[in-house]
PDB file of N, CA and C in Angstrom:
ATOM      1  N   MET A   1     -64.918 130.073 102.106  1.00  0.00           N
ATOM      2  CA  MET A   1     -64.835 130.209 103.530  1.00  0.00           C
ATOM      3  C   MET A   1     -63.444 130.305 103.537  1.00  0.00           C
ATOM      4  N   GLU A   2     -63.298 131.107 104.516  1.00  0.00           N
ATOM      5  CA  GLU A   2     -61.999 130.521 105.404  1.00  0.00           C
ATOM      6  C   GLU A   2     -62.312 130.339 107.104  1.00  0.00           C
ATOM      7  N   ILE A   3     -61.374 128.870 106.850  1.00  0.00           N
ATOM      8  CA  ILE A   3     -61.640 127.788 107.933  1.00  0.00           C
ATOM      9  C   ILE A   3     -60.604 127.710 108.755  1.00  0.00           C
ATOM     10  N   LEU A   4     -60.241 127.943 110.119  1.00  0.00           N
ATOM     11  CA  LEU A   4     -59.092 127.768 110.999  1.00  0.00           C
ATOM     12  C   LEU A   4     -59.272 125.723 111.158  1.00  0.00           C
ATOM     13  N   VAL A   5     -58.797 125.012 111.204  1.00  0.00           N
ATOM     14  CA  VAL A   5     -58.686 123.927 111.827  1.00  0.00           C
ATOM     15  C   VAL A   5     -57.460 123.601 112.804  1.00  0.00           C
ATOM     16  N   VAL A   6     -58.110 123.379 113.974  1.00  0.00           N
ATOM     17  CA  VAL A   6     -57.215 123.149 115.081  1.00  0.00           C
ATOM     18  C   VAL A   6     -57.380 121.851 115.885  1.00  0.00           C
ATOM     19  N   ASP A   7     -56.072 121.313 115.664  1.00  0.00           N
ATOM     20  CA  ASP A   7     -56.038 120.155 116.224  1.00  0.00           C
ATOM     21  C   ASP A   7     -53.905 120.018 116.467  1.00  0.00           C
ATOM     22  N   ASP A   8     -53.652 119.006 117.387  1.00  0.00           N
ATOM     23  CA  ASP A   8     -51.964 118.364 117.216  1.00  0.00           C
ATOM     24  C   ASP A   8     -51.756 117.772 116.781  1.00  0.00           C
ATOM     25  N   GLU A   9     -52.675 116.943 115.950  1.00  0.00           N
ATOM     26  CA  GLU A   9     -52.489 115.757 115.424  1.00  0.00           C
ATOM     27  C   GLU A   9     -51.943 116.140 113.832  1.00  0.00           C
ATOM     28  N   LYS A  10     -50.949 116.087 113.230  1.00  0.00           N
ATOM     29  CA  LYS A  10     -50.631 116.568 111.620  1.00  0.00           C
ATOM     30  C   LYS A  10     -51.240 115.902 110.488  1.00  0.00           C
ATOM     31  N   ALA A  11     -51.259 114.312 110.900  1.00  0.00           N
ATOM     32  CA  ALA A  11     -52.307 113.772 109.649  1.00  0.00           C
ATOM     33  C   ALA A  11     -53.853 114.202 110.054  1.00  0.00           C
ATOM     34  N   LEU A  12     -54.498 114.328 110.809  1.00  0.00           N
ATOM     35  CA  LEU A  12     -55.673 114.527 110.884  1.00  0.00           C
ATOM     36  C   LEU A  12     -56.038 116.126 110.172  1.00  0.00           C
ATOM     37  N   THR A  13     -55.171 117.220 110.479  1.00  0.00           N
ATOM     38  CA  THR A  13     -55.607 118.601 109.896  1.00  0.00           C
ATOM     39  C   THR A  13     -54.881 118.362 108.570  1.00  0.00           C
ATOM     40  N   SER A  14     -53.970 117.487 108.030  1.00  0.00           N
ATOM     41  CA  SER A  14     -53.940 117.442 106.565  1.00  0.00           C
ATOM     42  C   SER A  14     -54.991 116.895 105.813  1.00  0.00           C
ATOM     43  N   LEU A  15     -55.830 115.793 106.385  1.00  0.00           N
ATOM     44  CA  LEU A  15     -57.156 115.395 105.754  1.00  0.00           C
ATOM     45  C   LEU A  15     -58.016 116.163 105.904  1.00  0.00           C
ATOM     46  N   PHE A  16     -58.034 116.861 107.272  1.00  0.00           N
ATOM     47  CA  PHE A  16     -58.844 117.906 107.134  1.00  0.00           C
ATOM     48  C   PHE A  16     -59.094 119.347 105.864  1.00  0.00           C
ATOM     49  N   GLN A  17     -57.830 119.394 105.678  1.00  0.00           N
ATOM     50  CA  GLN A  17     -57.295 120.327 104.613  1.00  0.00           C
ATOM     51  C   GLN A  17     -57.438 119.495 103.357  1.00  0.00           C
ATOM     52  N   ASP A  18     -57.198 118.480 103.179  1.00  0.00           N
ATOM     53  CA  ASP A  18     -56.924 118.163 101.498  1.00  0.00           C
ATOM     54  C   ASP A  18     -58.665 118.108 101.616  1.00  0.00           C
ATOM     55  N   TYR A  19     -59.581 118.089 101.889  1.00  0.00           N
ATOM     56  CA  TYR A  19     -60.873 117.338 102.113  1.00  0.00           C
ATOM     57  C   TYR A  19     -61.502 118.855 101.512  1.00  0.00           C
ATOM     58  N   LEU A  20     -61.303 119.804 102.305  1.00  0.00           N
ATOM     59  CA  LEU A  20     -62.091 120.868 102.416  1.00  0.00           C
ATOM     60  C   LEU A  20     -61.498 121.841 101.850  1.00  0.00           C
ATOM     61  N   GLU A  21     -60.317 121.745 101.205  1.00  0.00           N
ATOM     62  CA  GLU A  21     -60.118 122.777  99.681  1.00  0.00           C
ATOM     63  C   GLU A  21     -60.298 122.047  98.492  1.00  0.00           C
ATOM     64  N   PHE A  22     -60.429 120.303  98.690  1.00  0.00           N
ATOM     65  CA  PHE A  22     -60.770 119.555  97.651  1.00  0.00           C
ATOM     66  C   PHE A  22     -62.017 119.507  97.037  1.00  0.00           C
ATOM     67  N   THR A  23     -63.127 119.621  98.064  1.00  0.00           N
ATOM     68  CA  THR A  23     -64.687 119.503  98.229  1.00  0.00           C
ATOM     69  C   THR A  23     -65.346 120.776  98.010  1.00  0.00           C
ATOM     70  N   GLY A  24     -64.678 122.158  98.668  1.00  0.00           N
ATOM     71  CA  GLY A  24     -65.418 123.005  98.516  1.00  0.00           C
ATOM     72  C   GLY A  24     -64.782 124.266  98.226  1.00  0.00           C
ATOM     73  N   GLY A  25     -63.308 124.352  97.783  1.00  0.00           N
ATOM     74  CA  GLY A  25     -62.334 124.890  97.898  1.00  0.00           C
ATOM     75  C   GLY A  25     -62.318 126.473  98.323  1.00  0.00           C
ATOM     76  N   HIS A  26     -62.066 125.581 100.253  1.00  0.00           N
ATOM     77  CA  HIS A  26     -62.193 126.503 100.993  1.00  0.00           C
ATOM     78  C   HIS A  26     -60.803 127.071 101.308  1.00  0.00           C
ATOM     79  N   LYS A  27     -60.596 128.352 101.633  1.00  0.00           N
ATOM     80  CA  LYS A  27     -59.658 128.423 102.663  1.00  0.00           C
ATOM     81  C   LYS A  27     -59.015 128.199 103.922  1.00  0.00           C
ATOM     82  N   ILE A  28     -58.107 127.245 103.942  1.00  0.00           N
ATOM     83  CA  ILE A  28     -57.872 126.623 105.429  1.00  0.00           C
ATOM     84  C   ILE A  28     -56.342 126.785 105.939  1.00  0.00           C
ATOM     85  N   THR A  29     -56.741 127.314 107.362  1.00  0.00           N
ATOM     86  CA  THR A  29     -55.383 127.460 108.034  1.00  0.00           C
ATOM     87  C   THR A  29     -55.578 126.505 109.390  1.00  0.00           C
ATOM     88  N   ILE A  30     -54.399 125.936 109.261  1.00  0.00           N
ATOM     89  CA  ILE A  30     -54.021 125.385 110.553  1.00  0.00           C
ATOM     90  C   ILE A  30     -53.384 125.708 111.526  1.00  0.00           C
ATOM     91  N   ALA A  31     -53.745 125.271 112.805  1.00  0.00           N
ATOM     92  CA  ALA A  31     -53.014 125.894 114.124  1.00  0.00           C
ATOM     93  C   ALA A  31     -52.950 124.497 114.761  1.00  0.00           C
ATOM     94  N   ASP A  32     -51.868 123.696 115.279  1.00  0.00           N
ATOM     95  CA  ASP A  32     -51.771 122.799 115.869  1.00  0.00           C
ATOM     96  C   ASP A  32     -51.623 122.676 117.731  1.00  0.00           C
ATOM     97  N   SER A  33     -52.382 124.025 118.179  1.00  0.00           N
ATOM     98  CA  SER A  33     -53.011 124.154 119.414  1.00  0.00           C
ATOM     99  C   SER A  33     -53.906 125.149 120.033  1.00  0.00           C
ATOM    100  N   GLY A  34     -54.486 125.102 121.150  1.00  0.00           N
ATOM    101  CA  GLY A  34     -55.556 125.703 121.116  1.00  0.00           C
ATOM    102  C   GLY A  34     -54.923 127.745 121.268  1.00  0.00           C
ATOM    103  N   LEU A  35     -53.917 127.556 122.152  1.00  0.00           N
ATOM    104  CA  LEU A  35     -53.288 128.644 121.898  1.00  0.00           C
ATOM    105  C   LEU A  35     -53.223 129.508 120.975  1.00  0.00           C
ATOM    106  N   LYS A  36     -52.166 128.543 119.734  1.00  0.00           N
ATOM    107  CA  LYS A  36     -51.811 129.138 118.803  1.00  0.00           C
ATOM    108  C   LYS A  36     -52.724 129.634 117.872  1.00  0.00           C
ATOM    109  N   ALA A  37     -54.055 128.664 118.223  1.00  0.00           N
ATOM    110  CA  ALA A  37     -55.027 129.424 117.445  1.00  0.00           C
ATOM    111  C   ALA A  37     -55.553 130.871 117.582  1.00  0.00           C
ATOM    112  N   LEU A  38     -55.860 130.790 118.898  1.00  0.00           N
ATOM    113  CA  LEU A  38     -56.290 132.005 119.614  1.00  0.00           C
ATOM    114  C   LEU A  38     -55.008 133.382 118.875  1.00  0.00           C
ATOM    115  N   GLU A  39     -54.004 133.240 118.638  1.00  0.00           N
ATOM    116  CA  GLU A  39     -53.782 134.203 118.480  1.00  0.00           C
ATOM    117  C   GLU A  39     -53.793 134.162 116.750  1.00  0.00           C
ATOM    118  N   LEU A  40     -53.643 133.274 115.687  1.00  0.00           N
ATOM    119  CA  LEU A  40     -54.590 133.523 114.591  1.00  0.00           C
ATOM    120  C   LEU A  40     -55.618 134.183 114.522  1.00  0.00           C
ATOM    121  N   ILE A  41     -56.620 133.989 115.691  1.00  0.00           N
ATOM    122  CA  ILE A  41     -58.028 134.377 115.338  1.00  0.00           C
ATOM    123  C   ILE A  41     -57.679 135.911 115.552  1.00  0.00           C
ATOM    124  N   LYS A  42     -57.251 136.289 116.641  1.00  0.00           N
ATOM    125  CA  LYS A  42     -57.011 137.752 116.634  1.00  0.00           C
ATOM    126  C   LYS A  42     -56.424 138.753 115.591  1.00  0.00           C
ATOM    127  N   LYS A  43     -55.699 138.188 114.730  1.00  0.00           N
ATOM    128  CA  LYS A  43     -55.055 138.394 113.251  1.00  0.00           C
ATOM    129  C   LYS A  43     -56.143 138.523 112.077  1.00  0.00           C
ATOM    130  N   GLN A  44     -56.748 137.261 112.333  1.00  0.00           N
ATOM    131  CA  GLN A  44     -57.621 137.322 111.163  1.00  0.00           C
ATOM    132  C   GLN A  44     -58.748 136.342 111.610  1.00  0.00           C
ATOM    133  N   LYS A  45     -59.870 136.942 111.271  1.00  0.00           N
ATOM    134  CA  LYS A  45     -61.343 136.239 112.082  1.00  0.00           C
ATOM    135  C   LYS A  45     -61.970 135.266 111.300  1.00  0.00           C
ATOM    136  N   PRO A  46     -61.933 133.870 111.207  1.00  0.00           N
ATOM    137  CA  PRO A  46     -62.060 132.957 110.578  1.00  0.00           C
ATOM    138  C   PRO A  46     -63.430 132.727 110.162  1.00  0.00           C
ATOM    139  N   ASP A  47     -63.934 132.478 109.306  1.00  0.00           N
ATOM    140  CA  ASP A  47     -65.690 131.744 108.935  1.00  0.00           C
ATOM    141  C   ASP A  47     -66.235 130.981 109.949  1.00  0.00           C
ATOM    142  N   LEU A  48     -65.567 130.429 110.194  1.00  0.00           N
ATOM    143  CA  LEU A  48     -65.488 128.570 110.959  1.00  0.00           C
ATOM    144  C   LEU A  48     -64.667 128.565 111.570  1.00  0.00           C
ATOM    145  N   ILE A  49     -64.286 127.291 112.534  1.00  0.00           N
ATOM    146  CA  ILE A  49     -63.210 127.142 113.461  1.00  0.00           C
ATOM    147  C   ILE A  49     -63.497 125.907 113.571  1.00  0.00           C
ATOM    148  N   ILE A  50     -63.383 125.011 113.515  1.00  0.00           N
ATOM    149  CA  ILE A  50     -63.380 122.885 113.736  1.00  0.00           C
ATOM    150  C   ILE A  50     -62.071 123.030 114.613  1.00  0.00           C
ATOM    151  N   LEU A  51     -62.483 122.527 115.579  1.00  0.00           N
ATOM    152  CA  LEU A  51     -61.655 122.841 116.996  1.00  0.00           C
ATOM    153  C   LEU A  51     -61.507 121.301 117.528  1.00  0.00           C
ATOM    154  N   ASP A  52     -60.233 120.590 117.717  1.00  0.00           N
ATOM    155  CA  ASP A  52     -60.458 119.148 118.784  1.00  0.00           C
ATOM    156  C   ASP A  52     -60.710 119.810 119.956  1.00  0.00           C
ATOM    157  N   GLN A  53     -61.335 118.859 121.063  1.00  0.00           N
ATOM    158  CA  GLN A  53     -61.417 118.809 122.582  1.00  0.00           C
ATOM    159  C   GLN A  53     -60.451 118.739 123.117  1.00  0.00           C
ATOM    160  N   MET A  54     -59.548 117.777 122.544  1.00  0.00           N
ATOM    161  CA  MET A  54     -58.197 117.436 123.942  1.00  0.00           C
ATOM    162  C   MET A  54     -56.906 117.569 123.084  1.00  0.00           C
ATOM    163  N   MET A  55     -56.386 119.115 123.577  1.00  0.00           N
ATOM    164  CA  MET A  55     -55.273 119.146 123.124  1.00  0.00           C
ATOM    165  C   MET A  55     -53.951 119.313 123.664  1.00  0.00           C
ATOM    166  N   PRO A  56     -52.988 119.858 124.309  1.00  0.00           N
ATOM    167  CA  PRO A  56     -51.944 119.694 124.856  1.00  0.00           C
ATOM    168  C   PRO A  56     -51.480 120.737 126.256  1.00  0.00           C
ATOM    169  N   ASP A  57     -52.052 121.838 125.300  1.00  0.00           N
ATOM    170  CA  ASP A  57     -52.016 123.407 126.191  1.00  0.00           C
ATOM    171  C   ASP A  57     -52.936 123.724 126.563  1.00  0.00           C
ATOM    172  N   ILE A  58     -54.441 123.980 125.858  1.00  0.00           N
ATOM    173  CA  ILE A  58     -55.557 124.397 126.454  1.00  0.00           C
ATOM    174  C   ILE A  58     -56.494 123.425 125.499  1.00  0.00           C
ATOM    175  N   ASN A  59     -57.498 122.951 126.214  1.00  0.00           N
ATOM    176  CA  ASN A  59     -58.752 121.925 125.205  1.00  0.00           C
ATOM    177  C   ASN A  59     -59.527 123.386 124.586  1.00  0.00           C
ATOM    178  N   GLY A  60     -60.327 122.285 123.483  1.00  0.00           N
ATOM    179  CA  GLY A  60     -61.392 123.017 122.560  1.00  0.00           C
ATOM    180  C   GLY A  60     -62.367 123.760 123.549  1.00  0.00           C
ATOM    181  N   THR A  61     -62.705 123.415 124.519  1.00  0.00           N
ATOM    182  CA  THR A  61     -63.700 124.205 125.514  1.00  0.00           C
ATOM    183  C   THR A  61     -63.169 125.041 126.082  1.00  0.00           C
ATOM    184  N   ASP A  62     -62.150 125.307 126.799  1.00  0.00           N
ATOM    185  CA  ASP A  62     -61.291 126.730 126.685  1.00  0.00           C
ATOM    186  C   ASP A  62     -60.990 127.703 125.956  1.00  0.00           C
ATOM    187  N   VAL A  63     -60.982 127.213 124.779  1.00  0.00           N
ATOM    188  CA  VAL A  63     -60.705 127.988 123.049  1.00  0.00           C
ATOM    189  C   VAL A  63     -61.644 128.684 123.461  1.00  0.00           C
ATOM    190  N   VAL A  64     -62.978 127.856 123.351  1.00  0.00           N
ATOM    191  CA  VAL A  64     -64.743 128.457 123.142  1.00  0.00           C
ATOM    192  C   VAL A  64     -64.906 129.496 123.870  1.00  0.00           C
ATOM    193  N   PHE A  65     -64.423 129.046 125.397  1.00  0.00           N
ATOM    194  CA  PHE A  65     -64.786 130.008 126.569  1.00  0.00           C
ATOM    195  C   PHE A  65     -64.396 131.521 126.023  1.00  0.00           C
ATOM    196  N   GLU A  66     -63.121 131.730 125.779  1.00  0.00           N
ATOM    197  CA  GLU A  66     -62.350 132.620 125.792  1.00  0.00           C
ATOM    198  C   GLU A  66     -62.647 133.389 124.194  1.00  0.00           C
ATOM    199  N   LEU A  67     -63.105 132.378 123.060  1.00  0.00           N
ATOM    200  CA  LEU A  67     -63.699 132.864 121.921  1.00  0.00           C
ATOM    201  C   LEU A  67     -65.173 133.890 122.509  1.00  0.00           C
ATOM    202  N   LYS A  68     -65.846 133.470 123.539  1.00  0.00           N
ATOM    203  CA  LYS A  68     -67.329 133.801 123.080  1.00  0.00           C
ATOM    204  C   LYS A  68     -66.781 135.443 124.252  1.00  0.00           C
ATOM    205  N   LYS A  69     -66.417 134.969 125.069  1.00  0.00           N
ATOM    206  CA  LYS A  69     -66.038 135.992 125.869  1.00  0.00           C
ATOM    207  C   LYS A  69     -65.620 137.852 125.571  1.00  0.00           C
ATOM    208  N   SER A  70     -65.025 137.754 123.917  1.00  0.00           N
ATOM    209  CA  SER A  70     -65.015 138.904 123.124  1.00  0.00           C
ATOM    210  C   SER A  70     -66.188 138.982 122.145  1.00  0.00           C
ATOM    211  N   SER A  71     -66.851 140.288 122.033  1.00  0.00           N
ATOM    212  CA  SER A  71     -67.381 140.931 121.101  1.00  0.00           C
ATOM    213  C   SER A  71     -66.937 140.570 119.643  1.00  0.00           C
ATOM    214  N   GLN A  72     -65.956 140.676 119.569  1.00  0.00           N
ATOM    215  CA  GLN A  72     -65.165 140.597 118.053  1.00  0.00           C
ATOM    216  C   GLN A  72     -65.034 138.780 118.098  1.00  0.00           C
ATOM    217  N   THR A  73     -65.204 137.784 118.280  1.00  0.00           N
ATOM    218  CA  THR A  73     -65.154 136.743 117.983  1.00  0.00           C
ATOM    219  C   THR A  73     -66.092 135.757 118.780  1.00  0.00           C
ATOM    220  N   ALA A  74     -67.249 136.346 119.301  1.00  0.00           N
ATOM    221  CA  ALA A  74     -67.865 135.305 119.648  1.00  0.00           C
ATOM    222  C   ALA A  74     -69.090 135.122 119.043  1.00  0.00           C
ATOM    223  N   ASP A  75     -68.883 135.542 117.781  1.00  0.00           N
ATOM    224  CA  ASP A  75     -70.158 135.428 116.408  1.00  0.00           C
ATOM    225  C   ASP A  75     -69.481 134.217 115.537  1.00  0.00           C
ATOM    226  N   ILE A  76     -68.522 133.801 116.136  1.00  0.00           N
ATOM    227  CA  ILE A  76     -67.885 132.678 115.090  1.00  0.00           C
ATOM    228  C   ILE A  76     -67.969 131.263 115.447  1.00  0.00           C
ATOM    229  N   PRO A  77     -68.429 130.837 113.909  1.00  0.00           N
ATOM    230  CA  PRO A  77     -69.479 129.303 114.247  1.00  0.00           C
ATOM    231  C   PRO A  77     -67.840 128.276 114.760  1.00  0.00           C
ATOM    232  N   ILE A  78     -68.622 127.668 115.513  1.00  0.00           N
ATOM    233  CA  ILE A  78     -67.235 126.657 115.889  1.00  0.00           C
ATOM    234  C   ILE A  78     -68.420 125.483 115.789  1.00  0.00           C
ATOM    235  N   VAL A  79     -67.108 123.850 115.310  1.00  0.00           N
ATOM    236  CA  VAL A  79     -67.370 122.535 115.430  1.00  0.00           C
ATOM    237  C   VAL A  79     -66.248 122.004 116.291  1.00  0.00           C
ATOM    238  N   ILE A  80     -67.059 121.468 117.373  1.00  0.00           N
ATOM    239  CA  ILE A  80     -65.837 120.861 118.029  1.00  0.00           C
ATOM    240  C   ILE A  80     -65.831 119.287 117.507  1.00  0.00           C
ATOM    241  N   PHE A  81     -64.851 118.815 117.648  1.00  0.00           N
ATOM    242  CA  PHE A  81     -64.697 117.374 117.331  1.00  0.00           C
ATOM    243  C   PHE A  81     -64.051 116.483 118.687  1.00  0.00           C
ATOM    244  N   SER A  82     -63.711 115.220 119.161  1.00  0.00           N
ATOM    245  CA  SER A  82     -63.350 114.275 119.616  1.00  0.00           C
ATOM    246  C   SER A  82     -63.466 113.206 119.662  1.00  0.00           C
ATOM    247  N   ALA A  83     -62.675 112.159 120.316  1.00  0.00           N
ATOM    248  CA  ALA A  83     -63.345 110.787 120.398  1.00  0.00           C
ATOM    249  C   ALA A  83     -64.285 110.276 121.285  1.00  0.00           C
ATOM    250  N   ALA A  84     -64.404 111.287 122.273  1.00  0.00           N
ATOM    251  CA  ALA A  84     -65.331 111.170 123.307  1.00  0.00           C
ATOM    252  C   ALA A  84     -66.942 111.151 122.334  1.00  0.00           C
ATOM    253  N   ASP A  85     -68.183 110.651 123.253  1.00  0.00           N
ATOM    254  CA  ASP A  85     -69.055 110.756 122.965  1.00  0.00           C
ATOM    255  C   ASP A  85     -69.769 112.380 122.557  1.00  0.00           C
ATOM    256  N   ALA A  86     -70.635 112.811 121.844  1.00  0.00           N
ATOM    257  CA  ALA A  86     -71.527 114.242 121.751  1.00  0.00           C
ATOM    258  C   ALA A  86     -71.804 114.559 123.198  1.00  0.00           C
ATOM    259  N   PRO A  87     -71.475 115.677 123.429  1.00  0.00           N
ATOM    260  CA  PRO A  87     -72.425 116.172 124.860  1.00  0.00           C
ATOM    261  C   PRO A  87     -73.741 116.303 124.575  1.00  0.00           C
ATOM    262  N   PRO A  88     -75.198 116.393 125.392  1.00  0.00           N
ATOM    263  CA  PRO A  88     -76.118 116.748 124.994  1.00  0.00           C
ATOM    264  C   PRO A  88     -76.506 117.920 124.428  1.00  0.00           C
ATOM    265  N   PHE A  89     -77.309 118.142 123.764  1.00  0.00           N
ATOM    266  CA  PHE A  89     -77.706 119.010 122.804  1.00  0.00           C
ATOM    267  C   PHE A  89     -77.706 120.500 123.977  1.00  0.00           C
ATOM    268  N   GLU A  90     -78.356 120.236 125.154  1.00  0.00           N
ATOM    269  CA  GLU A  90     -78.229 121.504 125.996  1.00  0.00           C
ATOM    270  C   GLU A  90     -76.829 122.329 126.589  1.00  0.00           C
ATOM    271  N   GLU A  91     -75.732 121.037 126.420  1.00  0.00           N
ATOM    272  CA  GLU A  91     -74.237 121.787 126.521  1.00  0.00           C
ATOM    273  C   GLU A  91     -73.994 122.622 125.432  1.00  0.00           C
ATOM    274  N   LYS A  92     -74.194 122.023 124.038  1.00  0.00           N
ATOM    275  CA  LYS A  92     -73.666 122.481 122.744  1.00  0.00           C
ATOM    276  C   LYS A  92     -73.945 123.854 122.976  1.00  0.00           C
ATOM    277  N   ILE A  93     -75.489 123.842 123.545  1.00  0.00           N
ATOM    278  CA  ILE A  93     -75.959 125.712 123.492  1.00  0.00           C
ATOM    279  C   ILE A  93     -75.202 126.240 124.079  1.00  0.00           C
ATOM    280  N   ALA A  94     -75.072 125.840 125.596  1.00  0.00           N
ATOM    281  CA  ALA A  94     -74.039 126.351 126.464  1.00  0.00           C
ATOM    282  C   ALA A  94     -73.123 126.895 126.506  1.00  0.00           C
ATOM    283  N   LEU A  95     -72.358 125.884 125.740  1.00  0.00           N
ATOM    284  CA  LEU A  95     -70.949 125.948 124.987  1.00  0.00           C
ATOM    285  C   LEU A  95     -70.667 127.019 124.053  1.00  0.00           C
ATOM    286  N   GLY A  96     -71.921 127.141 122.862  1.00  0.00           N
ATOM    287  CA  GLY A  96     -72.009 128.235 121.919  1.00  0.00           C
ATOM    288  C   GLY A  96     -71.342 127.903 120.644  1.00  0.00           C
ATOM    289  N   ILE A  97     -71.431 126.356 120.776  1.00  0.00           N
ATOM    290  CA  ILE A  97     -70.813 125.495 119.373  1.00  0.00           C
ATOM    291  C   ILE A  97     -72.205 125.156 118.129  1.00  0.00           C
ATOM    292  N   ILE A  98     -71.875 125.220 117.031  1.00  0.00           N
ATOM    293  CA  ILE A  98     -73.489 125.085 116.229  1.00  0.00           C
ATOM    294  C   ILE A  98     -72.936 123.365 116.322  1.00  0.00           C
ATOM    295  N   ASP A  99     -72.107 122.529 116.263  1.00  0.00           N
ATOM    296  CA  ASP A  99     -72.383 120.928 116.174  1.00  0.00           C
ATOM    297  C   ASP A  99     -70.856 120.644 116.686  1.00  0.00           C
ATOM    298  N   TYR A 100     -70.647 119.164 116.950  1.00  0.00           N
ATOM    299  CA  TYR A 100     -70.199 117.745 117.845  1.00  0.00           C
ATOM    300  C   TYR A 100     -69.736 116.726 116.507  1.00  0.00           C
ATOM    301  N   LEU A 101     -68.927 116.307 116.363  1.00  0.00           N
ATOM    302  CA  LEU A 101     -68.147 115.256 115.575  1.00  0.00           C
ATOM    303  C   LEU A 101     -67.369 114.955 116.157  1.00  0.00           C
ATOM    304  N   ARG A 102     -68.088 113.310 116.301  1.00  0.00           N
ATOM    305  CA  ARG A 102     -66.864 112.111 116.923  1.00  0.00           C
ATOM    306  C   ARG A 102     -65.981 111.827 115.728  1.00  0.00           C
ATOM    307  N   LYS A 103     -64.827 111.498 116.261  1.00  0.00           N
ATOM    308  CA  LYS A 103     -63.567 110.199 115.443  1.00  0.00           C
ATOM    309  C   LYS A 103     -64.244 108.856 115.731  1.00  0.00           C
ATOM    310  N   PRO A 104     -64.058 108.516 114.590  1.00  0.00           N
ATOM    311  CA  PRO A 104     -63.328 109.087 113.189  1.00  0.00           C
ATOM    312  C   PRO A 104     -64.264 110.318 112.620  1.00  0.00           C
ATOM    313  N   ILE A 105     -63.904 111.210 112.033  1.00  0.00           N
ATOM    314  CA  ILE A 105     -64.646 112.262 111.674  1.00  0.00           C
ATOM    315  C   ILE A 105     -65.239 111.906 110.119  1.00  0.00           C
ATOM    316  N   ASP A 106     -66.990 112.477 110.142  1.00  0.00           N
ATOM    317  CA  ASP A 106     -67.343 111.874 109.159  1.00  0.00           C
ATOM    318  C   ASP A 106     -67.703 113.435 107.892  1.00  0.00           C
ATOM    319  N   PHE A 107     -66.870 113.476 107.396  1.00  0.00           N
ATOM    320  CA  PHE A 107     -66.974 114.295 106.657  1.00  0.00           C
ATOM    321  C   PHE A 107     -67.641 114.743 105.541  1.00  0.00           C
ATOM    322  N   GLU A 108     -68.920 113.697 105.449  1.00  0.00           N
ATOM    323  CA  GLU A 108     -70.107 114.097 104.236  1.00  0.00           C
ATOM    324  C   GLU A 108     -70.669 115.183 105.431  1.00  0.00           C
ATOM    325  N   LYS A 109     -70.977 114.744 106.694  1.00  0.00           N
ATOM    326  CA  LYS A 109     -71.555 115.261 107.972  1.00  0.00           C
ATOM    327  C   LYS A 109     -71.104 116.863 108.086  1.00  0.00           C
ATOM    328  N   LEU A 110     -69.821 116.648 107.828  1.00  0.00           N
ATOM    329  CA  LEU A 110     -68.870 118.308 107.985  1.00  0.00           C
ATOM    330  C   LEU A 110     -69.427 118.658 106.728  1.00  0.00           C
ATOM    331  N   LYS A 111     -69.214 118.377 105.715  1.00  0.00           N
ATOM    332  CA  LYS A 111     -69.461 119.060 104.375  1.00  0.00           C
ATOM    333  C   LYS A 111     -71.320 119.932 104.350  1.00  0.00           C
ATOM    334  N   GLN A 112     -72.019 118.980 105.316  1.00  0.00           N
ATOM    335  CA  GLN A 112     -73.279 119.351 105.230  1.00  0.00           C
ATOM    336  C   GLN A 112     -73.773 120.530 106.408  1.00  0.00           C
ATOM    337  N   ILE A 113     -72.468 120.482 107.527  1.00  0.00           N
ATOM    338  CA  ILE A 113     -72.864 121.403 108.257  1.00  0.00           C
ATOM    339  C   ILE A 113     -72.215 123.071 107.630  1.00  0.00           C
ATOM    340  N   ILE A 114     -71.293 122.666 106.573  1.00  0.00           N
ATOM    341  CA  ILE A 114     -70.261 123.915 106.183  1.00  0.00           C
ATOM    342  C   ILE A 114     -71.321 124.296 104.954  1.00  0.00           C
ATOM    343  N   GLU A 115     -72.249 123.753 104.424  1.00  0.00           N
ATOM    344  CA  GLU A 115     -73.084 124.248 103.605  1.00  0.00           C
ATOM    345  C   GLU A 115     -74.209 124.691 103.824  1.00  0.00           C
ATOM    346  N   ASP A 116     -74.524 124.295 104.812  1.00  0.00           N
ATOM    347  CA  ASP A 116     -76.123 125.087 106.039  1.00  0.00           C
ATOM    348  C   ASP A 116     -75.395 126.380 106.379  1.00  0.00           C
ATOM    349  N   LEU A 117     -73.910 126.552 106.946  1.00  0.00           N
ATOM    350  CA  LEU A 117     -73.554 127.501 107.127  1.00  0.00           C
ATOM    351  C   LEU A 117     -73.901 128.689 106.109  1.00  0.00           C
ATOM    352  N   GLU A 118     -73.203 128.186 105.139  1.00  0.00           N
ATOM    353  CA  GLU A 118     -72.970 128.851 103.918  1.00  0.00           C
ATOM    354  C   GLU A 118     -74.133 129.555 103.401  1.00  0.00           C
ATOM    355  N   LYS A 119     -75.422 128.828 103.382  1.00  0.00           N
ATOM    356  CA  LYS A 119     -76.783 129.222 103.314  1.00  0.00           C
ATOM    357  C   LYS A 119     -77.327 129.947 104.502  1.00  0.00           C
ATOM    358  N   GLN A 120     -77.271 129.907 105.785  1.00  0.00           N
ATOM    359  CA  GLN A 120     -77.451 130.805 106.930  1.00  0.00           C
ATOM    360  C   GLN A 120     -76.631 132.628 106.352  1.00  0.00           C
ATOM    361  N   LYS A 121     -75.305 132.211 105.462  1.00  0.00           N
ATOM    362  CA  LYS A 121     -74.490 133.526 105.380  1.00  0.00           C
ATOM    363  C   LYS A 121     -75.341 134.773 104.181  1.00  0.00           C
ATOM    364  N   ASN A 122     -75.813 133.621 103.249  1.00  0.00           N
ATOM    365  CA  ASN A 122     -76.557 134.041 102.121  1.00  0.00           C
ATOM    366  C   ASN A 122     -77.517 134.261 102.385  1.00  0.00           C
TER     367      ASN A 122
END
């Protein structure tokens, strides 16, 4: 699975990359800002986006809104993560995200989200 991880914290993106490549053999692309993520997605559509909510240029919610506007990117599954509490279920649905992870990241939960997504695709 091709996964785009978006966060401005290099240590965390490295952790995501190491874990996801090791546990699932996934191809990981890293973007260190929301704007870079939007540029990358136009060039190559990932199977999943894992996106930090708080970033310096454009926040995760705004990235989601941009992606959901286009028929070419509206169907990309998105997981948002943040240090803040998870939004209510209704807000997740309204945002169009498949899940929300709270920092520190529960990588076992992330692994389960990815496995469930892979089952849906098959």
